[in-house]
């Protein structure tokens, strides 16, 4: 993903001069002439690194250090100072400035400073991903069924090779959780995991969400937006319900996969990325190919490894382990200390067909814990449909 530099300087020529150089080096550049404009960009999340002049028309530049101190991912700020401002710059460093550069700007020093700043940004992101990955690992339950053990072995191999994966299965079987498991099990674990539900986004906006757009590309596009494929650079892009993707977007996605590059909407420059794609569908894509609703070439490009998640009704041997997991997961969130489940309640859970699969089981256990006053979940605590199955 390209590094975005926010240049805050009231001199238009200075912004243009520095911006042209940074653009030629492959950086994304955003300009702001005042602190007010800078604050607007920061509120939108624009700018990985800030290049900040000291004296601005509406205030003192280093005040931005105090205003951004509370941000969890505070962008590194590089001050642009005159020679007489060295003492001020040193004081600003004590307040969190990343670096300061004296005028006139030396481009070699500027690029070195920005690279050092982006290393900090990358490290913060990786730590955040590691924390997220640890949580994801604790959410995935293999179970005791041979089907799941075999599927997890295949998932491990797909993760190690960073190949495209197609996950199929009924609604609620845990396709996104499996995708996150693949992410955390492979060499991309410290990089982003970006998920997009293709069915939840209007067809007219899906291309812009995937590939981003340039300012002015269409009505309402006031500024450049990075697409999710660019945000996922180095990591994993999970395309849920890919069966809902329009045919024209499928063609553009196929080209992006094959070329490892794409153009933003309204843009001319090719954006190169390294992304592992994981797609998921609860529909039969082969039937959709026969009905000319899904591209055959994209289908085979995605299913280098295909993983079919079995419905819960065919792997009931895993239910006791799943129940134990959900109890342990919910106890701290709900402020409870439930330790188990009675035999008759467990038998009812095993007898039930679970049309909503693991998602429905998770909700059923949460509901049972809500109505449980003792240490063990019992039959009356379960949903009515499950009780009837007993």
Protein backbone atom coordinates (compact mmCIF):
# COMPACT_ATOMS: atom_id res chain seq x y z
CA UNK A 1 0.00 0.00 0.00
CA UNK A 2 1.27 3.47 -0.87
CA UNK A 3 2.36 5.78 1.95
CA UNK A 4 0.15 8.88 2.22
CA UNK A 5 1.86 12.11 3.31
CA UNK A 6 -0.23 15.05 4.51
CA UNK A 7 1.66 18.30 3.81
CA UNK A 8 0.44 21.15 6.03
CA UNK A 9 1.93 24.41 4.76
CA UNK A 10 0.26 27.71 3.89
CA UNK A 11 2.68 28.39 1.03
CA UNK A 12 1.17 26.85 -2.09
CA UNK A 13 4.50 26.79 -3.94
CA UNK A 14 6.13 24.89 -1.06
CA UNK A 15 3.32 22.34 -0.99
CA UNK A 16 3.56 21.89 -4.74
CA UNK A 17 7.38 21.65 -4.72
CA UNK A 18 7.50 19.04 -1.96
CA UNK A 19 4.40 17.26 -3.23
CA UNK A 20 5.80 16.83 -6.75
CA UNK A 21 8.96 15.26 -5.37
CA UNK A 22 7.09 12.88 -3.07
CA UNK A 23 4.69 11.88 -5.85
CA UNK A 24 7.65 11.10 -8.11
CA UNK A 25 8.96 8.76 -5.39
CA UNK A 26 5.68 6.83 -5.26
CA UNK A 27 4.05 8.50 -2.25
CA UNK A 28 0.41 9.59 -2.11
CA UNK A 29 0.21 13.31 -1.30
CA UNK A 30 -2.52 15.40 0.32
CA UNK A 31 -2.16 19.14 0.86
CA UNK A 32 -3.57 21.41 3.57
CA UNK A 33 -3.00 25.18 3.88
CA UNK A 34 -4.28 25.58 7.45
CA UNK A 35 -4.60 23.74 10.74
CA UNK A 36 -8.36 23.58 10.17
CA UNK A 37 -7.89 21.74 6.88
CA UNK A 38 -5.37 19.42 8.54
CA UNK A 39 -7.87 18.60 11.29
CA UNK A 40 -10.50 17.69 8.70
CA UNK A 41 -8.09 15.28 7.01
CA UNK A 42 -7.09 13.75 10.33
CA UNK A 43 -10.73 13.22 11.30
CA UNK A 44 -11.15 11.22 8.07
CA UNK A 45 -8.06 9.14 8.75
CA UNK A 46 -6.09 10.71 5.89
CA UNK A 47 -2.33 10.78 6.14
CA UNK A 48 0.06 8.09 7.36
CA UNK A 49 2.72 10.73 7.98
CA UNK A 50 2.28 14.50 8.53
CA UNK A 51 4.74 17.09 7.24
CA UNK A 52 3.89 20.17 9.32
CA UNK A 53 4.96 23.80 9.02
CA UNK A 54 5.35 25.73 12.28
CA UNK A 55 3.66 29.04 11.46
CA UNK A 56 0.23 28.73 9.89
CA UNK A 57 -2.46 31.37 9.25
CA UNK A 58 -4.84 29.99 11.87
CA UNK A 59 -2.46 28.85 14.58
CA UNK A 60 0.78 27.39 15.80
CA UNK A 61 1.61 24.16 13.96
CA UNK A 62 3.06 22.19 16.89
CA UNK A 63 -0.30 22.50 18.69
CA UNK A 64 -1.29 19.59 16.49
CA UNK A 65 1.02 17.43 18.59
CA UNK A 66 -1.21 17.91 21.64
CA UNK A 67 -4.41 17.45 19.63
CA UNK A 68 -3.29 14.10 18.22
CA UNK A 69 -1.77 12.75 21.43
CA UNK A 70 -4.97 10.79 22.25
CA UNK A 71 -5.16 9.04 18.86
CA UNK A 72 -4.52 5.27 19.09
CA UNK A 73 -2.69 5.36 15.74
CA UNK A 74 -1.21 8.83 15.93
CA UNK A 75 0.48 9.72 12.62
CA UNK A 76 4.18 10.59 13.02
CA UNK A 77 4.62 14.36 12.63
CA UNK A 78 7.69 15.84 10.93
CA UNK A 79 8.09 19.58 11.58
CA UNK A 80 9.38 21.99 8.93
CA UNK A 81 11.35 24.70 10.72
CA UNK A 82 13.47 27.72 10.00
CA UNK A 83 16.98 27.85 11.46
CA UNK A 84 15.84 30.17 14.26
CA UNK A 85 13.29 27.60 15.42
CA UNK A 86 15.72 24.88 16.50
CA UNK A 87 15.00 25.25 20.24
CA UNK A 88 11.30 25.09 19.51
CA UNK A 89 11.84 21.99 17.38
CA UNK A 90 13.73 20.23 20.17
CA UNK A 91 10.90 21.07 22.57
CA UNK A 92 8.39 19.70 20.05
CA UNK A 93 10.38 16.45 19.85
CA UNK A 94 9.88 16.09 23.61
CA UNK A 95 6.13 16.46 23.00
CA UNK A 96 6.03 13.64 20.47
CA UNK A 97 7.26 15.05 17.15
CA UNK A 98 8.93 12.35 15.06
CA UNK A 99 11.56 14.60 13.45
CA UNK A 100 12.23 18.14 12.27
CA UNK A 101 13.70 19.37 9.01
CA UNK A 102 15.15 22.82 8.43
CA UNK A 103 14.41 25.01 5.46
CA UNK A 104 15.33 24.79 2.66
CA UNK A 105 14.23 21.15 2.60
CA UNK A 106 16.81 18.59 1.45
CA UNK A 107 14.92 15.89 -0.40
CA UNK A 108 17.24 13.07 0.63
CA UNK A 109 16.75 13.92 4.31
CA UNK A 110 13.02 14.28 3.75
CA UNK A 111 12.63 10.83 2.23
CA UNK A 112 14.77 9.20 4.93
CA UNK A 113 12.68 10.84 7.64
CA UNK A 114 9.41 9.73 6.03
CA UNK A 115 10.68 6.17 5.67
CA UNK A 116 11.63 6.06 9.35
CA UNK A 117 8.21 7.44 10.24
CA UNK A 118 6.43 4.82 8.15
CA UNK A 119 8.40 2.05 9.86
CA UNK A 120 6.74 3.20 13.10
CA UNK A 121 3.31 3.17 11.44
CA UNK A 122 3.92 -0.33 10.06
CA UNK A 123 5.05 -1.62 13.45
CA UNK A 124 1.89 -0.26 15.13
CA UNK A 125 -0.28 -1.90 12.51
CA UNK A 126 1.50 -5.22 12.85
CA UNK A 127 1.07 -5.18 16.64
CA UNK A 128 -2.64 -4.47 16.20
CA UNK A 129 -2.93 -7.33 13.71
CA UNK A 130 -1.08 -9.69 16.04
CA UNK A 131 -3.54 -8.89 18.84
CA UNK A 132 -6.45 -9.42 16.45
CA UNK A 133 -4.92 -12.67 15.20
CA UNK A 134 -4.53 -14.00 18.73
CA UNK A 135 -8.22 -13.35 19.34
CA UNK A 136 -9.09 -15.06 16.04
CA UNK A 137 -7.10 -18.17 16.92
CA UNK A 138 -9.03 -18.49 20.16
CA UNK A 139 -12.32 -18.35 18.20
CA UNK A 140 -11.60 -21.31 15.91
CA UNK A 141 -12.64 -24.77 17.10
CA UNK A 142 -11.48 -27.77 15.09
CA UNK A 143 -13.60 -30.35 16.84
CA UNK A 144 -13.25 -34.14 16.79
CA UNK A 145 -14.87 -34.98 13.45
CA UNK A 146 -12.60 -36.38 10.74
CA UNK A 147 -14.14 -33.95 8.25
CA UNK A 148 -12.98 -30.93 10.22
CA UNK A 149 -9.54 -32.33 10.95
CA UNK A 150 -8.97 -32.94 7.23
CA UNK A 151 -10.30 -29.50 6.33
CA UNK A 152 -7.99 -27.78 8.83
CA UNK A 153 -4.98 -29.63 7.42
CA UNK A 154 -5.87 -28.34 3.94
CA UNK A 155 -6.37 -24.83 5.34
CA UNK A 156 -2.88 -24.93 6.88
CA UNK A 157 -1.33 -25.88 3.55
CA UNK A 158 -3.24 -23.14 1.73
CA UNK A 159 -2.08 -20.62 4.34
CA UNK A 160 1.57 -21.63 4.02
CA UNK A 161 1.49 -21.31 0.23
CA UNK A 162 -0.52 -18.03 0.20
CA UNK A 163 -2.70 -19.35 -2.64
CA UNK A 164 -6.25 -18.31 -3.48
CA UNK A 165 -8.92 -20.18 -1.51
CA UNK A 166 -12.62 -20.70 -2.13
CA UNK A 167 -14.67 -21.55 0.98
CA UNK A 168 -18.18 -22.91 0.49
CA UNK A 169 -20.82 -23.90 3.00
CA UNK A 170 -24.23 -23.08 4.34
CA UNK A 171 -24.97 -19.83 6.14
CA UNK A 172 -23.62 -19.87 9.69
CA UNK A 173 -21.00 -22.60 9.22
CA UNK A 174 -18.14 -20.22 10.02
CA UNK A 175 -16.68 -19.32 6.62
CA UNK A 176 -15.23 -16.00 7.79
CA UNK A 177 -13.80 -17.58 10.93
CA UNK A 178 -12.06 -20.20 8.75
CA UNK A 179 -10.74 -17.41 6.50
CA UNK A 180 -9.31 -15.63 9.55
CA UNK A 181 -7.79 -18.93 10.69
CA UNK A 182 -6.01 -19.25 7.32
CA UNK A 183 -4.74 -15.69 7.71
CA UNK A 184 -3.35 -16.29 11.21
CA UNK A 185 -1.82 -19.64 10.25
CA UNK A 186 0.33 -18.39 7.37
CA UNK A 187 3.19 -15.98 6.63
CA UNK A 188 0.76 -13.06 6.27
CA UNK A 189 -0.41 -13.24 9.89
CA UNK A 190 1.18 -9.89 10.81
CA UNK A 191 -0.38 -8.16 7.80
CA UNK A 192 -3.95 -6.94 7.31
CA UNK A 193 -7.03 -9.15 7.12
CA UNK A 194 -9.65 -7.15 5.23
CA UNK A 195 -13.18 -8.51 4.82
CA UNK A 196 -15.89 -7.27 2.49
CA UNK A 197 -19.42 -8.66 2.15
CA UNK A 198 -20.21 -8.34 -1.55
CA UNK A 199 -23.93 -8.82 -0.91
CA UNK A 200 -24.07 -5.90 1.54
CA UNK A 201 -22.76 -3.25 -0.88
CA UNK A 202 -24.67 -1.71 -3.75
CA UNK A 203 -23.45 -2.94 -7.12
CA UNK A 204 -22.66 0.62 -8.19
CA UNK A 205 -20.34 1.10 -5.20
CA UNK A 206 -18.65 -2.30 -5.08
CA UNK A 207 -15.96 -1.38 -7.63
CA UNK A 208 -15.09 1.76 -5.67
CA UNK A 209 -14.91 -0.22 -2.41
CA UNK A 210 -12.61 -2.82 -3.94
CA UNK A 211 -10.31 -0.61 -6.00
CA UNK A 212 -10.77 2.87 -4.55
CA UNK A 213 -11.23 6.06 -6.52
CA UNK A 214 -9.62 9.36 -7.33
CA UNK A 215 -11.02 12.73 -6.32
CA UNK A 216 -13.62 13.83 -8.86
CA UNK A 217 -14.13 10.31 -10.26
CA UNK A 218 -17.88 10.67 -9.71
CA UNK A 219 -20.35 12.91 -7.90
CA UNK A 220 -19.48 12.99 -4.22
CA UNK A 221 -15.90 11.80 -4.67
CA UNK A 222 -14.31 14.82 -3.01
CA UNK A 223 -11.02 13.14 -2.15
CA UNK A 224 -8.98 10.11 -3.06
CA UNK A 225 -10.02 6.85 -1.38
CA UNK A 226 -7.89 3.73 -1.04
CA UNK A 227 -9.72 0.57 -2.07
CA UNK A 228 -9.83 -2.48 0.18
CA UNK A 229 -7.55 -4.41 -2.16
CA UNK A 230 -4.92 -1.71 -1.62
CA UNK A 231 -5.52 -1.62 2.13
CA UNK A 232 -4.99 -5.40 2.23
CA UNK A 233 -1.61 -5.18 0.48
CA UNK A 234 0.72 -7.80 1.94
CA UNK A 235 -2.15 -9.52 3.73
CA UNK A 236 -5.45 -11.24 3.00
CA UNK A 237 -8.58 -9.93 1.28
CA UNK A 238 -11.71 -11.92 2.19
CA UNK A 239 -14.57 -11.62 -0.30
CA UNK A 240 -17.68 -12.94 1.43
CA UNK A 241 -20.73 -13.88 -0.66
CA UNK A 242 -18.77 -13.45 -3.87
CA UNK A 243 -21.73 -14.97 -5.73
CA UNK A 244 -23.39 -11.54 -5.39
CA UNK A 245 -20.63 -9.78 -7.35
CA UNK A 246 -21.83 -8.38 -10.72
CA UNK A 247 -20.29 -9.89 -13.87
CA UNK A 248 -18.51 -6.68 -14.89
CA UNK A 249 -16.80 -6.40 -11.48
CA UNK A 250 -15.89 -10.10 -11.68
CA UNK A 251 -14.00 -9.36 -14.91
CA UNK A 252 -12.09 -6.50 -13.27
CA UNK A 253 -11.31 -8.62 -10.22
CA UNK A 254 -9.97 -11.43 -12.42
CA UNK A 255 -7.67 -9.01 -14.21
CA UNK A 256 -6.46 -7.56 -10.91
CA UNK A 257 -5.68 -11.07 -9.61
CA UNK A 258 -3.78 -12.04 -12.74
CA UNK A 259 -1.82 -8.79 -13.05
CA UNK A 260 -1.49 -8.18 -9.30
CA UNK A 261 -2.37 -4.60 -10.14
CA UNK A 262 -5.39 -2.39 -10.79
CA UNK A 263 -6.44 1.21 -11.38
CA UNK A 264 -8.57 3.22 -9.02
CA UNK A 265 -11.90 4.40 -10.41
CA UNK A 266 -11.12 7.55 -12.37
CA UNK A 267 -7.37 6.89 -12.16
CA UNK A 268 -4.70 6.14 -14.74
CA UNK A 269 -1.82 4.82 -12.60
CA UNK A 270 -1.51 1.08 -11.94
CA UNK A 271 -1.48 0.20 -8.23
CA UNK A 272 0.59 -2.94 -7.61
CA UNK A 273 -0.36 -5.15 -4.67
CA UNK A 274 0.49 -8.50 -3.13
CA UNK A 275 -2.73 -9.95 -1.75
CA UNK A 276 -3.90 -13.46 -0.91
CA UNK A 277 -7.56 -13.77 -1.91
CA UNK A 278 -10.04 -15.87 0.03
CA UNK A 279 -13.58 -15.97 -1.33
CA UNK A 280 -16.68 -17.51 0.23
CA UNK A 281 -20.13 -18.44 -1.00
CA UNK A 282 -23.20 -20.22 0.32
CA UNK A 283 -24.49 -20.71 -3.24
CA UNK A 284 -23.47 -23.32 -5.82
CA UNK A 285 -21.10 -21.38 -8.07
CA UNK A 286 -20.96 -24.18 -10.66
CA UNK A 287 -24.70 -23.89 -11.21
CA UNK A 288 -24.31 -20.12 -11.47
CA UNK A 289 -21.66 -20.64 -14.18
CA UNK A 290 -24.12 -22.76 -16.19
CA UNK A 291 -26.71 -20.00 -15.78
CA UNK A 292 -24.16 -17.35 -16.92
CA UNK A 293 -24.27 -15.64 -13.53
CA UNK A 294 -20.66 -16.28 -12.57
CA UNK A 295 -17.45 -16.28 -14.61
CA UNK A 296 -15.91 -19.71 -15.06
CA UNK A 297 -12.38 -18.30 -15.40
CA UNK A 298 -12.72 -16.41 -12.12
CA UNK A 299 -14.14 -19.51 -10.42
CA UNK A 300 -11.10 -21.61 -11.29
CA UNK A 301 -8.74 -18.74 -10.49
CA UNK A 302 -10.19 -18.52 -6.99
CA UNK A 303 -10.41 -22.23 -6.19
CA UNK A 304 -6.74 -23.13 -6.19
CA UNK A 305 -7.77 -24.69 -2.89
CA UNK A 306 -11.47 -25.29 -2.24
CA UNK A 307 -12.70 -25.90 1.29
CA UNK A 308 -16.28 -27.03 1.89
CA UNK A 309 -17.41 -26.41 5.46
CA UNK A 310 -19.80 -29.17 6.57
CA UNK A 311 -23.10 -28.21 8.22
CA UNK A 312 -23.31 -28.73 11.97
CA UNK A 313 -25.96 -31.46 11.60
CA UNK A 314 -23.35 -33.72 9.95
CA UNK A 315 -20.68 -33.14 12.64
CA UNK A 316 -22.66 -33.49 15.86
CA UNK A 317 -19.66 -35.10 17.52
CA UNK A 318 -18.21 -31.56 17.68
CA UNK A 319 -21.17 -30.05 19.55
CA UNK A 320 -19.90 -30.72 23.12
CA UNK A 321 -16.58 -29.02 22.37
CA UNK A 322 -18.33 -26.08 20.72
CA UNK A 323 -20.71 -25.70 23.68
CA UNK A 324 -17.79 -25.63 26.12
CA UNK A 325 -16.03 -23.03 24.01
CA UNK A 326 -19.06 -20.73 23.85
CA UNK A 327 -19.58 -20.98 27.63
CA UNK A 328 -15.94 -20.05 28.29
CA UNK A 329 -16.14 -17.22 25.76
CA UNK A 330 -19.35 -15.74 27.18
CA UNK A 331 -18.60 -16.00 30.91
CA UNK A 332 -16.33 -12.93 31.16
CA UNK A 333 -18.49 -10.89 28.77
CA UNK A 334 -21.70 -11.66 30.67
CA UNK A 335 -20.19 -11.56 34.16
CA UNK A 336 -21.12 -15.19 34.82
CA UNK A 337 -19.39 -18.29 36.13
CA UNK A 338 -21.23 -21.12 34.43
CA UNK A 339 -19.19 -24.31 34.56
CA UNK A 340 -21.14 -26.89 32.57
CA UNK A 341 -24.34 -28.27 31.09
CA UNK A 342 -26.64 -31.10 32.18
CA UNK A 343 -26.81 -34.38 30.26
CA UNK A 344 -30.41 -33.83 29.14
CA UNK A 345 -29.64 -30.34 27.86
CA UNK A 346 -26.62 -31.63 25.93
CA UNK A 347 -28.72 -34.43 24.45
CA UNK A 348 -31.28 -31.88 23.24
CA UNK A 349 -28.51 -29.87 21.58
CA UNK A 350 -27.21 -33.01 19.84
CA UNK A 351 -30.69 -34.03 18.67
CA UNK A 352 -31.49 -30.64 17.12
CA UNK A 353 -30.78 -30.19 13.37
CA UNK A 354 -29.27 -26.65 13.59
CA UNK A 355 -30.47 -25.06 10.33
CA UNK A 356 -28.52 -21.94 11.34
CA UNK A 357 -25.41 -24.03 12.03
CA UNK A 358 -22.68 -22.81 14.42
CA UNK A 359 -24.03 -19.27 14.49
CA UNK A 360 -27.39 -20.56 15.75
CA UNK A 361 -25.66 -22.75 18.35
CA UNK A 362 -23.66 -19.75 19.59
CA UNK A 363 -26.84 -17.70 20.04
CA UNK A 364 -28.60 -20.62 21.74
CA UNK A 365 -25.83 -20.97 24.33
CA UNK A 366 -25.76 -17.22 24.95
CA UNK A 367 -29.54 -17.27 25.48
CA UNK A 368 -29.29 -20.26 27.82
CA UNK A 369 -26.61 -18.57 29.91
CA UNK A 370 -28.79 -15.47 30.23
CA UNK A 371 -31.58 -17.51 31.85
CA UNK A 372 -29.32 -19.79 33.90
CA UNK A 373 -29.20 -18.92 37.63
CA UNK A 374 -26.93 -21.76 38.69
CA UNK A 375 -23.63 -23.21 37.53
CA UNK A 376 -25.02 -25.58 34.89
CA UNK A 377 -27.18 -24.94 31.84
CA UNK A 378 -30.30 -27.14 31.93
CA UNK A 379 -32.98 -28.03 29.42
CA UNK A 380 -35.46 -25.25 30.38
CA UNK A 381 -32.79 -22.63 29.64
CA UNK A 382 -32.55 -23.62 25.96
CA UNK A 383 -34.62 -22.11 23.10
CA UNK A 384 -38.05 -23.65 22.52
CA UNK A 385 -37.09 -25.25 19.18
CA UNK A 386 -34.19 -27.05 20.83
CA UNK A 387 -36.30 -28.19 23.78
CA UNK A 388 -38.85 -29.72 21.38
CA UNK A 389 -36.06 -31.78 19.81
CA UNK A 390 -35.49 -33.50 23.14
